[in-house]
PDB file of N, CA and C in Angstrom:
ATOM      1  N   UNK A   1      84.660  54.739  33.409  1.00  0.00           N
ATOM      2  CA  UNK A   1      86.260  55.658  34.076  1.00  0.00           C
ATOM      3  C   UNK A   1      85.490  56.731  34.181  1.00  0.00           C
ATOM      4  N   UNK A   2      85.730  57.135  35.569  1.00  0.00           N
ATOM      5  CA  UNK A   2      85.514  59.175  36.229  1.00  0.00           C
ATOM      6  C   UNK A   2      86.843  60.356  35.313  1.00  0.00           C
ATOM      7  N   UNK A   3      86.433  60.785  34.789  1.00  0.00           N
ATOM      8  CA  UNK A   3      87.236  61.978  34.427  1.00  0.00           C
ATOM      9  C   UNK A   3      87.210  63.232  35.536  1.00  0.00           C
ATOM     10  N   UNK A   4      88.150  63.523  36.538  1.00  0.00           N
ATOM     11  CA  UNK A   4      88.470  63.950  37.306  1.00  0.00           C
ATOM     12  C   UNK A   4      89.310  65.845  36.209  1.00  0.00           C
ATOM     13  N   UNK A   5      88.424  66.593  36.701  1.00  0.00           N
ATOM     14  CA  UNK A   5      89.120  68.340  36.824  1.00  0.00           C
ATOM     15  C   UNK A   5      89.721  69.073  37.762  1.00  0.00           C
ATOM     16  N   UNK A   6      90.369  69.781  37.878  1.00  0.00           N
ATOM     17  CA  UNK A   6      90.298  70.929  38.468  1.00  0.00           C
ATOM     18  C   UNK A   6      89.357  71.311  39.308  1.00  0.00           C
ATOM     19  N   UNK A   7      88.135  71.511  39.056  1.00  0.00           N
ATOM     20  CA  UNK A   7      87.155  71.803  39.129  1.00  0.00           C
ATOM     21  C   UNK A   7      87.058  71.013  40.402  1.00  0.00           C
ATOM     22  N   UNK A   8      87.093  69.541  40.196  1.00  0.00           N
ATOM     23  CA  UNK A   8      86.821  68.403  41.417  1.00  0.00           C
ATOM     24  C   UNK A   8      87.674  68.260  42.987  1.00  0.00           C
ATOM     25  N   UNK A   9      88.785  69.030  42.094  1.00  0.00           N
ATOM     26  CA  UNK A   9      90.101  68.633  43.794  1.00  0.00           C
ATOM     27  C   UNK A   9      88.847  69.538  44.771  1.00  0.00           C
ATOM     28  N   UNK A  10      89.163  68.346  46.048  1.00  0.00           N
ATOM     29  CA  UNK A  10      88.673  68.479  47.163  1.00  0.00           C
ATOM     30  C   UNK A  10      87.531  68.041  47.794  1.00  0.00           C
ATOM     31  N   UNK A  11      86.452  67.249  46.181  1.00  0.00           N
ATOM     32  CA  UNK A  11      85.570  66.270  46.167  1.00  0.00           C
ATOM     33  C   UNK A  11      86.333  65.529  47.391  1.00  0.00           C
ATOM     34  N   UNK A  12      84.881  64.844  47.641  1.00  0.00           N
ATOM     35  CA  UNK A  12      85.014  63.789  49.009  1.00  0.00           C
ATOM     36  C   UNK A  12      84.115  62.657  48.213  1.00  0.00           C
ATOM     37  N   UNK A  13      84.222  61.627  47.468  1.00  0.00           N
ATOM     38  CA  UNK A  13      83.589  60.694  46.577  1.00  0.00           C
ATOM     39  C   UNK A  13      83.760  59.496  47.058  1.00  0.00           C
ATOM     40  N   UNK A  14      82.824  58.158  46.647  1.00  0.00           N
ATOM     41  CA  UNK A  14      82.676  56.963  47.434  1.00  0.00           C
ATOM     42  C   UNK A  14      83.073  56.434  45.403  1.00  0.00           C
ATOM     43  N   UNK A  15      83.740  55.992  45.451  1.00  0.00           N
ATOM     44  CA  UNK A  15      84.380  54.981  44.047  1.00  0.00           C
ATOM     45  C   UNK A  15      84.266  53.416  44.297  1.00  0.00           C
ATOM     46  N   UNK A  16      83.157  53.117  43.455  1.00  0.00           N
ATOM     47  CA  UNK A  16      82.777  51.697  43.630  1.00  0.00           C
ATOM     48  C   UNK A  16      83.511  51.319  42.001  1.00  0.00           C
ATOM     49  N   UNK A  17      84.108  49.691  42.362  1.00  0.00           N
ATOM     50  CA  UNK A  17      84.892  49.010  41.533  1.00  0.00           C
ATOM     51  C   UNK A  17      84.733  47.565  41.632  1.00  0.00           C
ATOM     52  N   UNK A  18      85.149  46.682  40.651  1.00  0.00           N
ATOM     53  CA  UNK A  18      84.986  45.216  41.083  1.00  0.00           C
ATOM     54  C   UNK A  18      85.634  44.693  42.135  1.00  0.00           C
ATOM     55  N   UNK A  19      87.069  45.340  42.574  1.00  0.00           N
ATOM     56  CA  UNK A  19      87.905  45.012  43.471  1.00  0.00           C
ATOM     57  C   UNK A  19      87.625  45.064  44.650  1.00  0.00           C
ATOM     58  N   UNK A  20      86.159  46.315  45.134  1.00  0.00           N
ATOM     59  CA  UNK A  20      85.951  47.254  46.188  1.00  0.00           C
ATOM     60  C   UNK A  20      85.711  48.555  45.878  1.00  0.00           C
ATOM     61  N   UNK A  21      85.423  48.839  47.089  1.00  0.00           N
ATOM     62  CA  UNK A  21      84.654  50.076  47.324  1.00  0.00           C
ATOM     63  C   UNK A  21      85.658  51.412  47.934  1.00  0.00           C
ATOM     64  N   UNK A  22      86.013  52.243  47.335  1.00  0.00           N
ATOM     65  CA  UNK A  22      86.775  53.422  48.183  1.00  0.00           C
ATOM     66  C   UNK A  22      85.309  54.230  48.600  1.00  0.00           C
ATOM     67  N   UNK A  23      85.641  54.693  49.930  1.00  0.00           N
ATOM     68  CA  UNK A  23      84.195  55.927  50.540  1.00  0.00           C
ATOM     69  C   UNK A  23      85.488  56.675  51.340  1.00  0.00           C
ATOM     70  N   UNK A  24      84.421  57.672  50.918  1.00  0.00           N
ATOM     71  CA  UNK A  24      84.972  59.062  51.558  1.00  0.00           C
ATOM     72  C   UNK A  24      86.833  59.162  50.748  1.00  0.00           C
ATOM     73  N   UNK A  25      87.239  59.023  49.668  1.00  0.00           N
ATOM     74  CA  UNK A  25      88.102  59.476  48.794  1.00  0.00           C
ATOM     75  C   UNK A  25      88.092  60.812  48.640  1.00  0.00           C
ATOM     76  N   UNK A  26      89.643  61.641  48.501  1.00  0.00           N
ATOM     77  CA  UNK A  26      88.976  62.958  48.122  1.00  0.00           C
ATOM     78  C   UNK A  26      89.739  62.971  46.741  1.00  0.00           C
ATOM     79  N   UNK A  27      89.599  63.856  46.515  1.00  0.00           N
ATOM     80  CA  UNK A  27      90.145  63.952  44.932  1.00  0.00           C
ATOM     81  C   UNK A  27      91.340  65.155  45.365  1.00  0.00           C
ATOM     82  N   UNK A  28      92.645  64.613  44.252  1.00  0.00           N
ATOM     83  CA  UNK A  28      93.355  65.931  45.135  1.00  0.00           C
ATOM     84  C   UNK A  28      94.247  65.849  43.340  1.00  0.00           C
ATOM     85  N   UNK A  29      95.243  66.731  43.609  1.00  0.00           N
ATOM     86  CA  UNK A  29      95.964  67.401  42.447  1.00  0.00           C
ATOM     87  C   UNK A  29      97.504  66.964  42.737  1.00  0.00           C
ATOM     88  N   UNK A  30      98.054  66.383  42.390  1.00  0.00           N
ATOM     89  CA  UNK A  30      99.664  66.202  42.390  1.00  0.00           C
ATOM     90  C   UNK A  30     100.346  66.440  41.040  1.00  0.00           C
ATOM     91  N   UNK A  31     101.723  66.443  41.547  1.00  0.00           N
ATOM     92  CA  UNK A  31     102.845  66.520  40.320  1.00  0.00           C
ATOM     93  C   UNK A  31     104.207  66.076  40.641  1.00  0.00           C
ATOM     94  N   UNK A  32     104.739  65.525  39.837  1.00  0.00           N
ATOM     95  CA  UNK A  32     106.038  65.257  39.647  1.00  0.00           C
ATOM     96  C   UNK A  32     107.003  66.143  40.131  1.00  0.00           C
ATOM     97  N   UNK A  33     107.979  66.275  41.119  1.00  0.00           N
ATOM     98  CA  UNK A  33     109.366  66.937  41.348  1.00  0.00           C
ATOM     99  C   UNK A  33     110.050  67.658  40.417  1.00  0.00           C
ATOM    100  N   UNK A  34     110.016  66.741  39.726  1.00  0.00           N
ATOM    101  CA  UNK A  34     111.405  66.392  38.381  1.00  0.00           C
ATOM    102  C   UNK A  34     110.882  66.421  37.308  1.00  0.00           C
ATOM    103  N   UNK A  35     109.985  66.463  36.605  1.00  0.00           N
ATOM    104  CA  UNK A  35     109.280  66.916  35.412  1.00  0.00           C
ATOM    105  C   UNK A  35     107.477  67.038  35.019  1.00  0.00           C
ATOM    106  N   UNK A  36     107.081  67.796  36.177  1.00  0.00           N
ATOM    107  CA  UNK A  36     106.282  68.258  36.331  1.00  0.00           C
ATOM    108  C   UNK A  36     104.954  67.709  35.767  1.00  0.00           C
ATOM    109  N   UNK A  37     105.009  66.503  35.668  1.00  0.00           N
ATOM    110  CA  UNK A  37     103.732  65.719  35.262  1.00  0.00           C
ATOM    111  C   UNK A  37     102.692  65.708  36.118  1.00  0.00           C
ATOM    112  N   UNK A  38     101.876  66.151  35.673  1.00  0.00           N
ATOM    113  CA  UNK A  38     100.471  66.897  37.132  1.00  0.00           C
ATOM    114  C   UNK A  38      99.097  65.429  36.869  1.00  0.00           C
ATOM    115  N   UNK A  39      98.368  65.484  38.003  1.00  0.00           N
ATOM    116  CA  UNK A  39      97.988  63.893  37.961  1.00  0.00           C
ATOM    117  C   UNK A  39      96.509  64.595  38.900  1.00  0.00           C
ATOM    118  N   UNK A  40      95.250  64.286  38.457  1.00  0.00           N
ATOM    119  CA  UNK A  40      94.546  64.924  39.499  1.00  0.00           C
ATOM    120  C   UNK A  40      93.283  63.455  39.242  1.00  0.00           C
ATOM    121  N   UNK A  41      92.914  63.070  40.530  1.00  0.00           N
ATOM    122  CA  UNK A  41      92.260  61.896  40.597  1.00  0.00           C
ATOM    123  C   UNK A  41      92.259  61.492  42.505  1.00  0.00           C
ATOM    124  N   UNK A  42      91.559  60.653  42.592  1.00  0.00           N
ATOM    125  CA  UNK A  42      91.381  60.144  43.991  1.00  0.00           C
ATOM    126  C   UNK A  42      93.045  60.022  44.853  1.00  0.00           C
ATOM    127  N   UNK A  43      92.792  60.184  45.914  1.00  0.00           N
ATOM    128  CA  UNK A  43      94.530  59.729  46.525  1.00  0.00           C
ATOM    129  C   UNK A  43      95.053  58.706  46.428  1.00  0.00           C
ATOM    130  N   UNK A  44      94.295  57.338  46.383  1.00  0.00           N
ATOM    131  CA  UNK A  44      95.002  56.250  45.847  1.00  0.00           C
ATOM    132  C   UNK A  44      95.790  56.395  44.882  1.00  0.00           C
ATOM    133  N   UNK A  45      94.973  57.021  43.746  1.00  0.00           N
ATOM    134  CA  UNK A  45      95.878  56.416  42.678  1.00  0.00           C
ATOM    135  C   UNK A  45      96.842  57.832  42.627  1.00  0.00           C
ATOM    136  N   UNK A  46      96.674  58.614  42.890  1.00  0.00           N
ATOM    137  CA  UNK A  46      97.933  59.460  42.857  1.00  0.00           C
ATOM    138  C   UNK A  46      98.848  59.251  43.680  1.00  0.00           C
ATOM    139  N   UNK A  47      98.728  58.455  44.979  1.00  0.00           N
ATOM    140  CA  UNK A  47     100.095  57.416  45.421  1.00  0.00           C
ATOM    141  C   UNK A  47     100.813  56.721  44.431  1.00  0.00           C
ATOM    142  N   UNK A  48      99.600  56.303  43.554  1.00  0.00           N
ATOM    143  CA  UNK A  48     100.738  55.518  42.390  1.00  0.00           C
ATOM    144  C   UNK A  48     101.492  56.418  41.446  1.00  0.00           C
ATOM    145  N   UNK A  49     100.934  57.312  40.784  1.00  0.00           N
ATOM    146  CA  UNK A  49     101.619  58.025  39.499  1.00  0.00           C
ATOM    147  C   UNK A  49     102.632  58.368  40.759  1.00  0.00           C
ATOM    148  N   UNK A  50     102.783  58.688  41.757  1.00  0.00           N
ATOM    149  CA  UNK A  50     103.958  59.507  42.352  1.00  0.00           C
ATOM    150  C   UNK A  50     104.986  58.425  42.265  1.00  0.00           C
ATOM    151  N   UNK A  51     104.615  57.452  43.642  1.00  0.00           N
ATOM    152  CA  UNK A  51     105.568  56.812  42.943  1.00  0.00           C
ATOM    153  C   UNK A  51     106.080  55.856  41.948  1.00  0.00           C
ATOM    154  N   UNK A  52     104.892  55.725  41.028  1.00  0.00           N
ATOM    155  CA  UNK A  52     106.048  55.178  39.594  1.00  0.00           C
ATOM    156  C   UNK A  52     106.361  56.565  38.622  1.00  0.00           C
ATOM    157  N   UNK A  53     106.425  57.670  39.263  1.00  0.00           N
ATOM    158  CA  UNK A  53     107.449  58.492  38.823  1.00  0.00           C
ATOM    159  C   UNK A  53     108.412  58.434  39.430  1.00  0.00           C
ATOM    160  N   UNK A  54     108.380  58.708  40.863  1.00  0.00           N
ATOM    161  CA  UNK A  54     110.040  58.082  41.177  1.00  0.00           C
ATOM    162  C   UNK A  54     110.542  56.860  41.133  1.00  0.00           C
ATOM    163  N   UNK A  55     109.907  56.058  40.383  1.00  0.00           N
ATOM    164  CA  UNK A  55     110.488  54.631  40.312  1.00  0.00           C
ATOM    165  C   UNK A  55     111.396  54.641  38.956  1.00  0.00           C
ATOM    166  N   UNK A  56     111.173  55.092  38.244  1.00  0.00           N
ATOM    167  CA  UNK A  56     110.994  55.587  36.891  1.00  0.00           C
ATOM    168  C   UNK A  56     112.346  56.634  36.993  1.00  0.00           C
ATOM    169  N   UNK A  57     112.221  57.565  37.576  1.00  0.00           N
ATOM    170  CA  UNK A  57     113.351  58.808  37.286  1.00  0.00           C
ATOM    171  C   UNK A  57     114.288  58.315  37.755  1.00  0.00           C
ATOM    172  N   UNK A  58     114.183  57.220  39.539  1.00  0.00           N
ATOM    173  CA  UNK A  58     115.166  56.896  40.349  1.00  0.00           C
ATOM    174  C   UNK A  58     116.495  56.202  39.199  1.00  0.00           C
ATOM    175  N   UNK A  59     115.264  55.346  38.030  1.00  0.00           N
ATOM    176  CA  UNK A  59     116.153  54.335  37.005  1.00  0.00           C
ATOM    177  C   UNK A  59     116.804  55.215  35.831  1.00  0.00           C
ATOM    178  N   UNK A  60     116.076  56.474  35.385  1.00  0.00           N
ATOM    179  CA  UNK A  60     116.705  57.373  34.372  1.00  0.00           C
ATOM    180  C   UNK A  60     117.848  57.932  34.897  1.00  0.00           C
ATOM    181  N   UNK A  61     118.413  57.894  36.272  1.00  0.00           N
ATOM    182  CA  UNK A  61     119.126  59.095  36.548  1.00  0.00           C
ATOM    183  C   UNK A  61     120.289  58.012  36.681  1.00  0.00           C
ATOM    184  N   UNK A  62     119.664  56.044  36.941  1.00  0.00           N
ATOM    185  CA  UNK A  62     121.045  55.535  37.477  1.00  0.00           C
ATOM    186  C   UNK A  62     121.336  55.307  35.797  1.00  0.00           C
ATOM    187  N   UNK A  63     121.042  55.367  35.191  1.00  0.00           N
ATOM    188  CA  UNK A  63     121.420  55.200  33.736  1.00  0.00           C
ATOM    189  C   UNK A  63     121.971  56.521  32.965  1.00  0.00           C
ATOM    190  N   UNK A  64     121.906  57.615  33.345  1.00  0.00           N
ATOM    191  CA  UNK A  64     122.489  58.726  32.789  1.00  0.00           C
ATOM    192  C   UNK A  64     123.446  58.502  33.965  1.00  0.00           C
ATOM    193  N   UNK A  65     123.730  58.165  35.460  1.00  0.00           N
ATOM    194  CA  UNK A  65     124.918  57.936  35.627  1.00  0.00           C
ATOM    195  C   UNK A  65     126.397  57.169  35.287  1.00  0.00           C
ATOM    196  N   UNK A  66     125.244  55.858  34.785  1.00  0.00           N
ATOM    197  CA  UNK A  66     126.223  54.818  34.285  1.00  0.00           C
ATOM    198  C   UNK A  66     126.814  55.253  33.066  1.00  0.00           C
ATOM    199  N   UNK A  67     126.202  55.934  32.063  1.00  0.00           N
ATOM    200  CA  UNK A  67     126.941  55.982  30.969  1.00  0.00           C
ATOM    201  C   UNK A  67     127.991  57.304  31.278  1.00  0.00           C
ATOM    202  N   UNK A  68     127.659  58.212  32.036  1.00  0.00           N
ATOM    203  CA  UNK A  68     128.212  59.449  32.127  1.00  0.00           C
ATOM    204  C   UNK A  68     129.819  58.582  33.300  1.00  0.00           C
ATOM    205  N   UNK A  69     129.589  57.657  33.800  1.00  0.00           N
ATOM    206  CA  UNK A  69     131.032  56.846  34.377  1.00  0.00           C
ATOM    207  C   UNK A  69     131.789  55.934  33.228  1.00  0.00           C
ATOM    208  N   UNK A  70     130.914  55.930  32.498  1.00  0.00           N
ATOM    209  CA  UNK A  70     131.345  54.660  31.194  1.00  0.00           C
ATOM    210  C   UNK A  70     132.316  56.109  30.156  1.00  0.00           C
ATOM    211  N   UNK A  71     132.203  57.178  30.292  1.00  0.00           N
ATOM    212  CA  UNK A  71     132.546  58.140  29.448  1.00  0.00           C
ATOM    213  C   UNK A  71     133.918  58.512  29.357  1.00  0.00           C
TER     214      UNK A  71
END
């Protein structure tokens, strides 16, 4: 597995995997607007990172609201 750094941001790469090949995939850096966690890597995986954080933080806030309403 390739490790990407800030030096790779903007690079256009081809990534070969068992499941298929990503061609002309841009390396980006994204961050979670809630907790500021960052990710550097291919756009496709960046979307998963952001989506995962959105789902987690939505759940987290829901639990906090339920706890507050019970108090």
